[in-house]
Amino acid sequence: MTTPVLAELSVEADEPRRTATVTLTVGADEPVFAGHYPHFAIFPGVCLVDCVVRGADRTIPDPGLELCGVDSARFLTAVFPGDEVRIELSWRPLGDDWRCAAELSTARGPAAVVRLRYRVTR
């Protein structure tokens, strides 16, 4: 998967992979900061969603699942260069699909809530 984010993700998942914790540190050298609020860098929300998708893809509880949509994304506070972002993921069946719910936070508190939908493709 191609990503605009340089930050490496650290992922710790439980077994049977129904919950996971993803952490990353937002570096000041992220290319997405160029032109995004010059002189007051804010990590774009779409990059937070990208990090959730990357973390979810590494913790899929069933290899036959594929991302089919972002059900919702709500941004609560800004994420700045140097912030460590913690993403708590939880997976649950949702009818014929699966939902991956993510709660993102920094040292300042909640940063975002994202809901992804995955579909069985096999």
C-alpha atoms as a PDB file:
ATOM      1  CA  MET A   1       0.000   0.000   0.000  1.00  0.00           C
ATOM      2  CA  THR A   2       1.319   3.439  -0.900  1.00  0.00           C
ATOM      3  CA  THR A   3       1.181   5.962   1.916  1.00  0.00           C
ATOM      4  CA  PRO A   4       2.021   9.669   2.222  1.00  0.00           C
ATOM      5  CA  VAL A   5       3.150   9.097   5.832  1.00  0.00           C
ATOM      6  CA  LEU A   6       6.787   8.383   6.680  1.00  0.00           C
ATOM      7  CA  ALA A   7       6.178   7.365  10.315  1.00  0.00           C
ATOM      8  CA  GLU A   8       6.725   3.697  11.107  1.00  0.00           C
ATOM      9  CA  LEU A   9       3.916   1.924  12.922  1.00  0.00           C
ATOM     10  CA  SER A  10       4.496  -0.260  15.961  1.00  0.00           C
ATOM     11  CA  VAL A  11       1.710  -2.846  16.265  1.00  0.00           C
ATOM     12  CA  GLU A  12       0.821  -5.111  19.191  1.00  0.00           C
ATOM     13  CA  ALA A  13      -2.163  -7.398  18.567  1.00  0.00           C
ATOM     14  CA  ASP A  14      -3.827  -9.917  20.843  1.00  0.00           C
ATOM     15  CA  GLU A  15      -4.856 -13.382  19.762  1.00  0.00           C
ATOM     16  CA  PRO A  16      -7.248 -14.027  18.051  1.00  0.00           C
ATOM     17  CA  ARG A  17      -6.500 -10.526  16.737  1.00  0.00           C
ATOM     18  CA  ARG A  18      -9.700  -8.834  17.909  1.00  0.00           C
ATOM     19  CA  THR A  19      -7.891  -5.901  19.562  1.00  0.00           C
ATOM     20  CA  ALA A  20      -4.598  -4.173  18.876  1.00  0.00           C
ATOM     21  CA  THR A  21      -2.578  -1.126  19.836  1.00  0.00           C
ATOM     22  CA  VAL A  22      -0.756   0.843  17.156  1.00  0.00           C
ATOM     23  CA  THR A  23       1.710   3.620  17.993  1.00  0.00           C
ATOM     24  CA  LEU A  24       3.626   6.061  15.848  1.00  0.00           C
ATOM     25  CA  THR A  25       5.513   9.298  16.314  1.00  0.00           C
ATOM     26  CA  VAL A  26       4.714  12.113  13.902  1.00  0.00           C
ATOM     27  CA  GLY A  27       8.037  13.517  12.717  1.00  0.00           C
ATOM     28  CA  ALA A  28       8.578  17.141  11.792  1.00  0.00           C
ATOM     29  CA  ASP A  29       9.978  15.866   8.474  1.00  0.00           C
ATOM     30  CA  GLU A  30       6.647  14.449   7.249  1.00  0.00           C
ATOM     31  CA  PRO A  31       6.200  15.609   3.622  1.00  0.00           C
ATOM     32  CA  VAL A  32       2.504  16.308   4.265  1.00  0.00           C
ATOM     33  CA  PHE A  33       3.474  19.314   6.409  1.00  0.00           C
ATOM     34  CA  ALA A  34       4.691  21.211   3.344  1.00  0.00           C
ATOM     35  CA  GLY A  35       1.964  23.737   2.635  1.00  0.00           C
ATOM     36  CA  HIS A  36      -0.454  22.400   5.245  1.00  0.00           C
ATOM     37  CA  TYR A  37      -0.954  25.429   7.474  1.00  0.00           C
ATOM     38  CA  PRO A  38       2.464  27.044   6.897  1.00  0.00           C
ATOM     39  CA  HIS A  39       4.128  28.183  10.139  1.00  0.00           C
ATOM     40  CA  PHE A  40       1.640  26.093  12.167  1.00  0.00           C
ATOM     41  CA  ALA A  41       2.017  22.460  11.086  1.00  0.00           C
ATOM     42  CA  ILE A  42      -0.960  20.169  11.737  1.00  0.00           C
ATOM     43  CA  PHE A  43      -0.945  16.491  10.755  1.00  0.00           C
ATOM     44  CA  PRO A  44      -3.804  16.134   8.226  1.00  0.00           C
ATOM     45  CA  GLY A  45      -6.812  14.050   9.245  1.00  0.00           C
ATOM     46  CA  VAL A  46      -6.550  11.968   6.090  1.00  0.00           C
ATOM     47  CA  CYS A  47      -3.088  10.896   7.287  1.00  0.00           C
ATOM     48  CA  LEU A  48      -4.579   9.755  10.600  1.00  0.00           C
ATOM     49  CA  VAL A  49      -7.102   7.660   8.649  1.00  0.00           C
ATOM     50  CA  ASP A  50      -4.209   6.288   6.573  1.00  0.00           C
ATOM     51  CA  CYS A  51      -2.428   5.200   9.774  1.00  0.00           C
ATOM     52  CA  VAL A  52      -5.597   3.497  11.015  1.00  0.00           C
ATOM     53  CA  VAL A  53      -5.950   1.604   7.717  1.00  0.00           C
ATOM     54  CA  ARG A  54      -2.284   0.568   7.799  1.00  0.00           C
ATOM     55  CA  GLY A  55      -2.623  -0.662  11.382  1.00  0.00           C
ATOM     56  CA  ALA A  56      -5.898  -2.455  10.641  1.00  0.00           C
ATOM     57  CA  ASP A  57      -4.402  -4.161   7.592  1.00  0.00           C
ATOM     58  CA  ARG A  58      -1.655  -5.583   9.840  1.00  0.00           C
ATOM     59  CA  THR A  59      -4.157  -6.962  12.369  1.00  0.00           C
ATOM     60  CA  ILE A  60      -6.949  -8.382  10.187  1.00  0.00           C
ATOM     61  CA  PRO A  61      -8.509 -11.291  12.129  1.00  0.00           C
ATOM     62  CA  ASP A  62      -9.447 -13.160   8.937  1.00  0.00           C
ATOM     63  CA  PRO A  63      -7.186 -13.203   5.848  1.00  0.00           C
ATOM     64  CA  GLY A  64     -10.265 -13.155   3.581  1.00  0.00           C
ATOM     65  CA  LEU A  65     -11.198  -9.591   4.619  1.00  0.00           C
ATOM     66  CA  GLU A  66     -10.656  -6.536   2.432  1.00  0.00           C
ATOM     67  CA  LEU A  67     -11.268  -2.856   3.186  1.00  0.00           C
ATOM     68  CA  CYS A  68     -14.487  -1.715   1.514  1.00  0.00           C
ATOM     69  CA  GLY A  69     -15.058   1.673   3.132  1.00  0.00           C
ATOM     70  CA  VAL A  70     -14.610   4.281   5.817  1.00  0.00           C
ATOM     71  CA  ASP A  71     -17.914   4.391   7.688  1.00  0.00           C
ATOM     72  CA  SER A  72     -16.981   7.453   9.732  1.00  0.00           C
ATOM     73  CA  ALA A  73     -14.109   9.672  10.819  1.00  0.00           C
ATOM     74  CA  ARG A  74     -14.384  12.325  13.507  1.00  0.00           C
ATOM     75  CA  PHE A  75     -11.410  14.514  14.388  1.00  0.00           C
ATOM     76  CA  LEU A  76     -11.354  15.818  17.943  1.00  0.00           C
ATOM     77  CA  THR A  77      -8.037  17.616  18.428  1.00  0.00           C
ATOM     78  CA  ALA A  78      -5.074  18.532  16.255  1.00  0.00           C
ATOM     79  CA  VAL A  79      -1.990  16.320  15.957  1.00  0.00           C
ATOM     80  CA  PHE A  80       1.316  18.179  15.743  1.00  0.00           C
ATOM     81  CA  PRO A  81       4.919  17.340  14.802  1.00  0.00           C
ATOM     82  CA  GLY A  82       6.535  15.362  17.603  1.00  0.00           C
ATOM     83  CA  ASP A  83       3.257  13.893  18.896  1.00  0.00           C
ATOM     84  CA  GLU A  84       3.108  10.212  19.677  1.00  0.00           C
ATOM     85  CA  VAL A  85      -0.193   8.857  18.413  1.00  0.00           C
ATOM     86  CA  ARG A  86      -1.749   5.821  20.059  1.00  0.00           C
ATOM     87  CA  ILE A  87      -4.424   3.941  18.105  1.00  0.00           C
ATOM     88  CA  GLU A  88      -6.618   1.411  19.900  1.00  0.00           C
ATOM     89  CA  LEU A  89      -8.202  -0.946  17.360  1.00  0.00           C
ATOM     90  CA  SER A  90     -11.073  -3.339  17.943  1.00  0.00           C
ATOM     91  CA  TRP A  91     -12.582  -5.763  15.440  1.00  0.00           C
ATOM     92  CA  ARG A  92     -16.094  -7.209  15.458  1.00  0.00           C
ATOM     93  CA  PRO A  93     -18.367  -8.956  12.975  1.00  0.00           C
ATOM     94  CA  LEU A  94     -21.065  -6.707  11.540  1.00  0.00           C
ATOM     95  CA  GLY A  95     -23.574  -8.824   9.634  1.00  0.00           C
ATOM     96  CA  ASP A  96     -21.707 -10.232   6.638  1.00  0.00           C
ATOM     97  CA  ASP A  97     -18.972  -7.611   7.073  1.00  0.00           C
ATOM     98  CA  TRP A  98     -16.495  -6.696   9.807  1.00  0.00           C
ATOM     99  CA  ARG A  99     -15.999  -3.349  11.547  1.00  0.00           C
ATOM    100  CA  CYS A 100     -12.652  -2.073  12.706  1.00  0.00           C
ATOM    101  CA  ALA A 101     -13.167   0.708  15.262  1.00  0.00           C
ATOM    102  CA  ALA A 102     -10.225   2.962  16.092  1.00  0.00           C
ATOM    103  CA  GLU A 103      -9.743   5.469  18.888  1.00  0.00           C
ATOM    104  CA  LEU A 104      -6.730   7.745  18.401  1.00  0.00           C
ATOM    105  CA  SER A 105      -5.094   9.782  21.144  1.00  0.00           C
ATOM    106  CA  THR A 106      -2.026  11.846  21.969  1.00  0.00           C
ATOM    107  CA  ALA A 107      -0.647  13.027  25.318  1.00  0.00           C
ATOM    108  CA  ARG A 108      -3.258  15.817  25.138  1.00  0.00           C
ATOM    109  CA  GLY A 109      -6.163  13.335  25.012  1.00  0.00           C
ATOM    110  CA  PRO A 110      -8.516  11.969  22.327  1.00  0.00           C
ATOM    111  CA  ALA A 111      -7.553  12.981  18.775  1.00  0.00           C
ATOM    112  CA  ALA A 112      -9.943  11.076  16.479  1.00  0.00           C
ATOM    113  CA  VAL A 113     -12.418   8.232  16.121  1.00  0.00           C
ATOM    114  CA  VAL A 114     -12.469   6.212  12.886  1.00  0.00           C
ATOM    115  CA  ARG A 115     -14.722   3.325  11.797  1.00  0.00           C
ATOM    116  CA  LEU A 116     -13.654   1.089   8.895  1.00  0.00           C
ATOM    117  CA  ARG A 117     -15.698  -1.592   7.169  1.00  0.00           C
ATOM    118  CA  TYR A 118     -14.147  -4.780   5.799  1.00  0.00           C
ATOM    119  CA  ARG A 119     -15.845  -7.345   3.592  1.00  0.00           C
ATOM    120  CA  VAL A 120     -15.173 -11.050   3.146  1.00  0.00           C
ATOM    121  CA  THR A 121     -13.798 -11.481  -0.384  1.00  0.00           C
ATOM    122  CA  ARG A 122     -13.108 -15.201  -0.647  1.00  0.00           C
END
